[in-house]
């Protein structure tokens, strides 16, 4: 992820696991932001509304593994957390 950027608020149709390979990021869900430094891992269960950001000046490199049902989009974008439902 480029410096000083965020990805759109989204959820996944299946679970995902992230590994921060380099740089440092911010993981936000439920209105709460937490830092994720290099070598951090992050588990995202099904339907968790969240966002990743890169507050730094260096690129954020994340390795991600996603498990979703075939034929279903892995990423589902949402307008805001209040508009989503967590199951």
Protein backbone atom coordinates (compact mmCIF):
# COMPACT_ATOMS: atom_id res chain seq x y z
CA UNK A 1 0.00 0.00 0.00
CA UNK A 2 1.42 3.40 -0.88
CA UNK A 3 2.44 5.83 1.88
CA UNK A 4 -0.30 7.87 3.57
CA UNK A 5 -3.17 5.88 2.02
CA UNK A 6 -6.12 3.77 3.24
CA UNK A 7 -8.03 1.10 1.40
CA UNK A 8 -11.83 1.36 1.23
CA UNK A 9 -13.91 0.05 4.13
CA UNK A 10 -14.75 -3.56 3.31
CA UNK A 11 -15.51 -7.05 4.55
CA UNK A 12 -14.67 -10.49 3.22
CA UNK A 13 -16.99 -13.25 2.17
CA UNK A 14 -14.63 -15.71 3.85
CA UNK A 15 -11.84 -15.62 6.39
CA UNK A 16 -8.42 -14.06 5.72
CA UNK A 17 -5.02 -14.02 7.38
CA UNK A 18 -2.53 -11.17 6.85
CA UNK A 19 1.20 -10.92 7.50
CA UNK A 20 2.88 -7.50 7.48
CA UNK A 21 6.05 -8.19 5.46
CA UNK A 22 7.44 -4.65 5.63
CA UNK A 23 6.41 -1.20 6.72
CA UNK A 24 3.82 -0.56 9.40
CA UNK A 25 0.09 -0.28 9.05
CA UNK A 26 -3.05 0.65 10.92
CA UNK A 27 -5.89 -1.86 11.16
CA UNK A 28 -9.31 -0.33 11.87
CA UNK A 29 -12.58 -2.01 12.72
CA UNK A 30 -15.57 -1.06 14.82
CA UNK A 31 -14.22 2.52 15.06
CA UNK A 32 -11.03 1.34 16.77
CA UNK A 33 -7.58 1.65 15.13
CA UNK A 34 -4.57 -0.42 16.13
CA UNK A 35 -1.00 -0.38 14.78
CA UNK A 36 0.33 -3.40 12.93
CA UNK A 37 4.16 -3.33 12.72
CA UNK A 38 6.39 -5.43 10.47
CA UNK A 39 5.99 -9.17 11.21
CA UNK A 40 2.52 -8.70 12.71
CA UNK A 41 -0.28 -11.07 11.76
CA UNK A 42 -3.97 -10.28 11.55
CA UNK A 43 -6.87 -12.74 11.37
CA UNK A 44 -10.08 -11.49 9.79
CA UNK A 45 -13.12 -13.68 10.34
CA UNK A 46 -15.95 -13.88 7.87
CA UNK A 47 -17.91 -10.62 7.49
CA UNK A 48 -15.65 -8.42 9.68
CA UNK A 49 -15.97 -4.80 8.43
CA UNK A 50 -12.50 -3.25 8.47
CA UNK A 51 -9.91 -1.07 6.78
CA UNK A 52 -6.12 -1.04 6.43
CA UNK A 53 -4.11 2.15 6.30
CA UNK A 54 -0.50 3.14 5.82
CA UNK A 55 0.24 6.22 7.93
CA UNK A 56 3.97 6.14 7.18
CA UNK A 57 6.23 7.40 4.45
CA UNK A 58 7.35 3.94 3.28
CA UNK A 59 5.27 1.37 1.39
CA UNK A 60 3.28 -1.14 3.44
CA UNK A 61 3.70 -4.69 2.11
CA UNK A 62 1.12 -7.22 3.29
CA UNK A 63 0.92 -10.90 2.37
CA UNK A 64 -2.68 -12.07 2.52
CA UNK A 65 -4.36 -15.48 2.29
CA UNK A 66 -8.10 -15.53 1.73
CA UNK A 67 -10.53 -18.44 1.89
CA UNK A 68 -13.82 -17.75 0.10
CA UNK A 69 -16.46 -19.88 -1.54
CA UNK A 70 -15.89 -20.37 -5.26
CA UNK A 71 -17.84 -17.88 -7.35
CA UNK A 72 -18.34 -15.45 -4.46
CA UNK A 73 -16.36 -12.17 -4.47
CA UNK A 74 -13.60 -12.28 -1.83
CA UNK A 75 -13.94 -8.57 -1.00
CA UNK A 76 -17.23 -6.75 -0.46
CA UNK A 77 -17.03 -2.96 -0.13
CA UNK A 78 -19.33 -1.17 2.35
CA UNK A 79 -20.26 2.50 2.76
CA UNK A 80 -19.79 2.56 6.53
CA UNK A 81 -19.70 0.14 9.45
CA UNK A 82 -23.20 1.12 10.62
CA UNK A 83 -24.61 -0.01 7.28
CA UNK A 84 -23.12 -3.51 7.60
CA UNK A 85 -24.18 -6.46 9.67
CA UNK A 86 -21.82 -8.85 11.36
CA UNK A 87 -22.97 -12.44 11.57
